[in-house]
Amino acid sequence: MEDVAEAAVVLHTRRSLVPAIIERVNKDNPYDAPQVLAVPVVEGHPGYRQ
């Protein structure tokens, strides 16, 4: 068991940049498998989505 500080980060980006984000997280994160998720937007405020 470890006691370390963590932070959640939410990024809005293009799908094409996800591999670069994963590569960067792998270099800078101490975990063997850091939690990186790419989640599609299925619905949202019409004005924001435009």
PDB file of N, CA and C in Angstrom:
ATOM      1  N   MET A   1       0.842  -1.160   0.000  1.00  0.00           N
ATOM      2  CA  MET A   1       0.000   0.000   0.000  1.00  0.00           C
ATOM      3  C   MET A   1       0.895   1.233   0.000  1.00  0.00           C
ATOM      4  N   GLU A   2       0.503   2.226  -0.784  1.00  0.00           N
ATOM      5  CA  GLU A   2       1.256   3.475  -0.856  1.00  0.00           C
ATOM      6  C   GLU A   2       0.369   4.637  -0.462  1.00  0.00           C
ATOM      7  N   ASP A   3       0.991   5.667   0.040  1.00  0.00           N
ATOM      8  CA  ASP A   3       0.287   6.898   0.372  1.00  0.00           C
ATOM      9  C   ASP A   3       0.932   8.023  -0.433  1.00  0.00           C
ATOM     10  N   VAL A   4       0.354   8.304  -1.599  1.00  0.00           N
ATOM     11  CA  VAL A   4       0.912   9.328  -2.478  1.00  0.00           C
ATOM     12  C   VAL A   4      -0.194  10.269  -2.922  1.00  0.00           C
ATOM     13  N   ALA A   5       0.191  11.482  -3.264  1.00  0.00           N
ATOM     14  CA  ALA A   5      -0.781  12.453  -3.761  1.00  0.00           C
ATOM     15  C   ALA A   5      -1.117  12.134  -5.217  1.00  0.00           C
ATOM     16  N   GLU A   6      -2.368  12.276  -5.573  1.00  0.00           N
ATOM     17  CA  GLU A   6      -2.809  12.064  -6.947  1.00  0.00           C
ATOM     18  C   GLU A   6      -3.670  13.236  -7.382  1.00  0.00           C
ATOM     19  N   ALA A   7      -3.793  13.395  -8.677  1.00  0.00           N
ATOM     20  CA  ALA A   7      -4.650  14.441  -9.226  1.00  0.00           C
ATOM     21  C   ALA A   7      -5.376  13.888 -10.437  1.00  0.00           C
ATOM     22  N   ALA A   8      -6.628  14.274 -10.587  1.00  0.00           N
ATOM     23  CA  ALA A   8      -7.394  13.914 -11.776  1.00  0.00           C
ATOM     24  C   ALA A   8      -7.265  15.051 -12.786  1.00  0.00           C
ATOM     25  N   VAL A   9      -7.068  14.697 -14.034  1.00  0.00           N
ATOM     26  CA  VAL A   9      -6.928  15.686 -15.099  1.00  0.00           C
ATOM     27  C   VAL A   9      -7.893  15.327 -16.216  1.00  0.00           C
ATOM     28  N   VAL A  10      -8.644  16.305 -16.689  1.00  0.00           N
ATOM     29  CA  VAL A  10      -9.560  16.104 -17.807  1.00  0.00           C
ATOM     30  C   VAL A  10      -9.060  16.966 -18.961  1.00  0.00           C
ATOM     31  N   LEU A  11      -8.825  16.353 -20.094  1.00  0.00           N
ATOM     32  CA  LEU A  11      -8.347  17.065 -21.267  1.00  0.00           C
ATOM     33  C   LEU A  11      -9.384  16.995 -22.373  1.00  0.00           C
ATOM     34  N   HIS A  12      -9.601  18.090 -23.042  1.00  0.00           N
ATOM     35  CA  HIS A  12     -10.419  18.099 -24.250  1.00  0.00           C
ATOM     36  C   HIS A  12      -9.419  18.121 -25.401  1.00  0.00           C
ATOM     37  N   THR A  13      -9.450  17.102 -26.234  1.00  0.00           N
ATOM     38  CA  THR A  13      -8.468  17.028 -27.303  1.00  0.00           C
ATOM     39  C   THR A  13      -9.047  16.282 -28.496  1.00  0.00           C
ATOM     40  N   ARG A  14      -8.261  16.193 -29.517  1.00  0.00           N
ATOM     41  CA  ARG A  14      -8.655  15.437 -30.709  1.00  0.00           C
ATOM     42  C   ARG A  14      -8.255  13.973 -30.534  1.00  0.00           C
ATOM     43  N   ARG A  15      -9.020  13.110 -31.157  1.00  0.00           N
ATOM     44  CA  ARG A  15      -8.741  11.671 -31.096  1.00  0.00           C
ATOM     45  C   ARG A  15      -7.319  11.361 -31.562  1.00  0.00           C
ATOM     46  N   SER A  16      -6.850  12.101 -32.555  1.00  0.00           N
ATOM     47  CA  SER A  16      -5.522  11.843 -33.114  1.00  0.00           C
ATOM     48  C   SER A  16      -4.394  12.121 -32.118  1.00  0.00           C
ATOM     49  N   LEU A  17      -4.665  12.890 -31.060  1.00  0.00           N
ATOM     50  CA  LEU A  17      -3.631  13.220 -30.082  1.00  0.00           C
ATOM     51  C   LEU A  17      -3.591  12.265 -28.888  1.00  0.00           C
ATOM     52  N   VAL A  18      -4.559  11.375 -28.780  1.00  0.00           N
ATOM     53  CA  VAL A  18      -4.615  10.463 -27.634  1.00  0.00           C
ATOM     54  C   VAL A  18      -3.354   9.611 -27.524  1.00  0.00           C
ATOM     55  N   PRO A  19      -2.828   9.025 -28.600  1.00  0.00           N
ATOM     56  CA  PRO A  19      -1.597   8.235 -28.446  1.00  0.00           C
ATOM     57  C   PRO A  19      -0.425   9.049 -27.880  1.00  0.00           C
ATOM     58  N   ALA A  20      -0.296  10.304 -28.265  1.00  0.00           N
ATOM     59  CA  ALA A  20       0.787  11.138 -27.740  1.00  0.00           C
ATOM     60  C   ALA A  20       0.578  11.422 -26.252  1.00  0.00           C
ATOM     61  N   ILE A  21      -0.665  11.602 -25.847  1.00  0.00           N
ATOM     62  CA  ILE A  21      -0.961  11.825 -24.430  1.00  0.00           C
ATOM     63  C   ILE A  21      -0.607  10.586 -23.626  1.00  0.00           C
ATOM     64  N   ILE A  22      -0.979   9.425 -24.119  1.00  0.00           N
ATOM     65  CA  ILE A  22      -0.659   8.173 -23.432  1.00  0.00           C
ATOM     66  C   ILE A  22       0.854   7.999 -23.335  1.00  0.00           C
ATOM     67  N   GLU A  23       1.573   8.288 -24.391  1.00  0.00           N
ATOM     68  CA  GLU A  23       3.037   8.179 -24.380  1.00  0.00           C
ATOM     69  C   GLU A  23       3.635   9.098 -23.312  1.00  0.00           C
ATOM     70  N   ARG A  24       3.147  10.332 -23.255  1.00  0.00           N
ATOM     71  CA  ARG A  24       3.656  11.294 -22.274  1.00  0.00           C
ATOM     72  C   ARG A  24       3.345  10.844 -20.852  1.00  0.00           C
ATOM     73  N   VAL A  25       2.122  10.366 -20.625  1.00  0.00           N
ATOM     74  CA  VAL A  25       1.751   9.896 -19.289  1.00  0.00           C
ATOM     75  C   VAL A  25       2.617   8.713 -18.888  1.00  0.00           C
ATOM     76  N   ASN A  26       2.910   7.819 -19.810  1.00  0.00           N
ATOM     77  CA  ASN A  26       3.768   6.675 -19.503  1.00  0.00           C
ATOM     78  C   ASN A  26       5.162   7.112 -19.071  1.00  0.00           C
ATOM     79  N   LYS A  27       5.671   8.188 -19.647  1.00  0.00           N
ATOM     80  CA  LYS A  27       7.005   8.675 -19.279  1.00  0.00           C
ATOM     81  C   LYS A  27       7.011   9.359 -17.923  1.00  0.00           C
ATOM     82  N   ASP A  28       5.954  10.084 -17.597  1.00  0.00           N
ATOM     83  CA  ASP A  28       5.943  10.939 -16.418  1.00  0.00           C
ATOM     84  C   ASP A  28       5.178  10.377 -15.224  1.00  0.00           C
ATOM     85  N   ASN A  29       4.635   9.174 -15.325  1.00  0.00           N
ATOM     86  CA  ASN A  29       3.792   8.620 -14.281  1.00  0.00           C
ATOM     87  C   ASN A  29       4.466   7.387 -13.681  1.00  0.00           C
ATOM     88  N   PRO A  30       4.457   7.250 -12.355  1.00  0.00           N
ATOM     89  CA  PRO A  30       5.129   6.106 -11.733  1.00  0.00           C
ATOM     90  C   PRO A  30       4.354   4.786 -11.826  1.00  0.00           C
ATOM     91  N   TYR A  31       3.085   4.816 -12.216  1.00  0.00           N
ATOM     92  CA  TYR A  31       2.287   3.585 -12.261  1.00  0.00           C
ATOM     93  C   TYR A  31       2.634   2.744 -13.485  1.00  0.00           C
ATOM     94  N   ASP A  32       2.496   1.434 -13.356  1.00  0.00           N
ATOM     95  CA  ASP A  32       2.698   0.526 -14.489  1.00  0.00           C
ATOM     96  C   ASP A  32       1.621   0.722 -15.552  1.00  0.00           C
ATOM     97  N   ALA A  33       0.400   0.993 -15.111  1.00  0.00           N
ATOM     98  CA  ALA A  33      -0.724   1.188 -16.034  1.00  0.00           C
ATOM     99  C   ALA A  33      -1.548   2.380 -15.560  1.00  0.00           C
ATOM    100  N   PRO A  34      -1.110   3.614 -15.867  1.00  0.00           N
ATOM    101  CA  PRO A  34      -1.879   4.777 -15.447  1.00  0.00           C
ATOM    102  C   PRO A  34      -3.251   4.806 -16.111  1.00  0.00           C
ATOM    103  N   GLN A  35      -4.217   5.355 -15.410  1.00  0.00           N
ATOM    104  CA  GLN A  35      -5.581   5.408 -15.937  1.00  0.00           C
ATOM    105  C   GLN A  35      -5.695   6.558 -16.939  1.00  0.00           C
ATOM    106  N   VAL A  36      -5.757   6.194 -18.203  1.00  0.00           N
ATOM    107  CA  VAL A  36      -5.987   7.154 -19.280  1.00  0.00           C
ATOM    108  C   VAL A  36      -7.158   6.618 -20.091  1.00  0.00           C
ATOM    109  N   LEU A  37      -8.215   7.395 -20.195  1.00  0.00           N
ATOM    110  CA  LEU A  37      -9.410   6.962 -20.911  1.00  0.00           C
ATOM    111  C   LEU A  37      -9.765   7.991 -21.974  1.00  0.00           C
ATOM    112  N   ALA A  38     -10.121   7.527 -23.146  1.00  0.00           N
ATOM    113  CA  ALA A  38     -10.667   8.386 -24.198  1.00  0.00           C
ATOM    114  C   ALA A  38     -12.157   8.071 -24.272  1.00  0.00           C
ATOM    115  N   VAL A  39     -12.981   9.060 -23.958  1.00  0.00           N
ATOM    116  CA  VAL A  39     -14.416   8.858 -23.845  1.00  0.00           C
ATOM    117  C   VAL A  39     -15.120   9.700 -24.902  1.00  0.00           C
ATOM    118  N   PRO A  40     -15.944   9.087 -25.747  1.00  0.00           N
ATOM    119  CA  PRO A  40     -16.655   9.870 -26.755  1.00  0.00           C
ATOM    120  C   PRO A  40     -17.781  10.694 -26.122  1.00  0.00           C
ATOM    121  N   VAL A  41     -18.064  11.815 -26.709  1.00  0.00           N
ATOM    122  CA  VAL A  41     -19.206  12.626 -26.294  1.00  0.00           C
ATOM    123  C   VAL A  41     -20.426  12.109 -27.042  1.00  0.00           C
ATOM    124  N   VAL A  42     -21.435  11.682 -26.304  1.00  0.00           N
ATOM    125  CA  VAL A  42     -22.637  11.142 -26.943  1.00  0.00           C
ATOM    126  C   VAL A  42     -23.789  12.143 -26.931  1.00  0.00           C
ATOM    127  N   GLU A  43     -23.693  13.150 -26.067  1.00  0.00           N
ATOM    128  CA  GLU A  43     -24.725  14.178 -26.009  1.00  0.00           C
ATOM    129  C   GLU A  43     -24.146  15.371 -25.274  1.00  0.00           C
ATOM    130  N   GLY A  44     -24.726  16.520 -25.505  1.00  0.00           N
ATOM    131  CA  GLY A  44     -24.260  17.725 -24.829  1.00  0.00           C
ATOM    132  C   GLY A  44     -25.123  18.911 -25.200  1.00  0.00           C
ATOM    133  N   HIS A  45     -24.853  20.026 -24.565  1.00  0.00           N
ATOM    134  CA  HIS A  45     -25.576  21.256 -24.837  1.00  0.00           C
ATOM    135  C   HIS A  45     -25.346  21.632 -26.305  1.00  0.00           C
ATOM    136  N   PRO A  46     -26.408  21.882 -27.061  1.00  0.00           N
ATOM    137  CA  PRO A  46     -26.243  22.164 -28.501  1.00  0.00           C
ATOM    138  C   PRO A  46     -25.293  23.327 -28.795  1.00  0.00           C
ATOM    139  N   GLY A  47     -25.371  24.390 -28.010  1.00  0.00           N
ATOM    140  CA  GLY A  47     -24.489  25.532 -28.241  1.00  0.00           C
ATOM    141  C   GLY A  47     -23.035  25.195 -28.009  1.00  0.00           C
ATOM    142  N   TYR A  48     -22.760  24.387 -27.003  1.00  0.00           N
ATOM    143  CA  TYR A  48     -21.377  23.999 -26.712  1.00  0.00           C
ATOM    144  C   TYR A  48     -20.834  23.069 -27.799  1.00  0.00           C
ATOM    145  N   ARG A  49     -21.669  22.152 -28.261  1.00  0.00           N
ATOM    146  CA  ARG A  49     -21.212  21.185 -29.259  1.00  0.00           C
ATOM    147  C   ARG A  49     -20.918  21.843 -30.599  1.00  0.00           C
ATOM    148  N   GLN A  50     -21.550  22.978 -30.890  1.00  0.00           N
ATOM    149  CA  GLN A  50     -21.283  23.671 -32.152  1.00  0.00           C
ATOM    150  C   GLN A  50     -19.954  24.369 -32.058  1.00  0.00           C
TER     151      GLN A  50
END
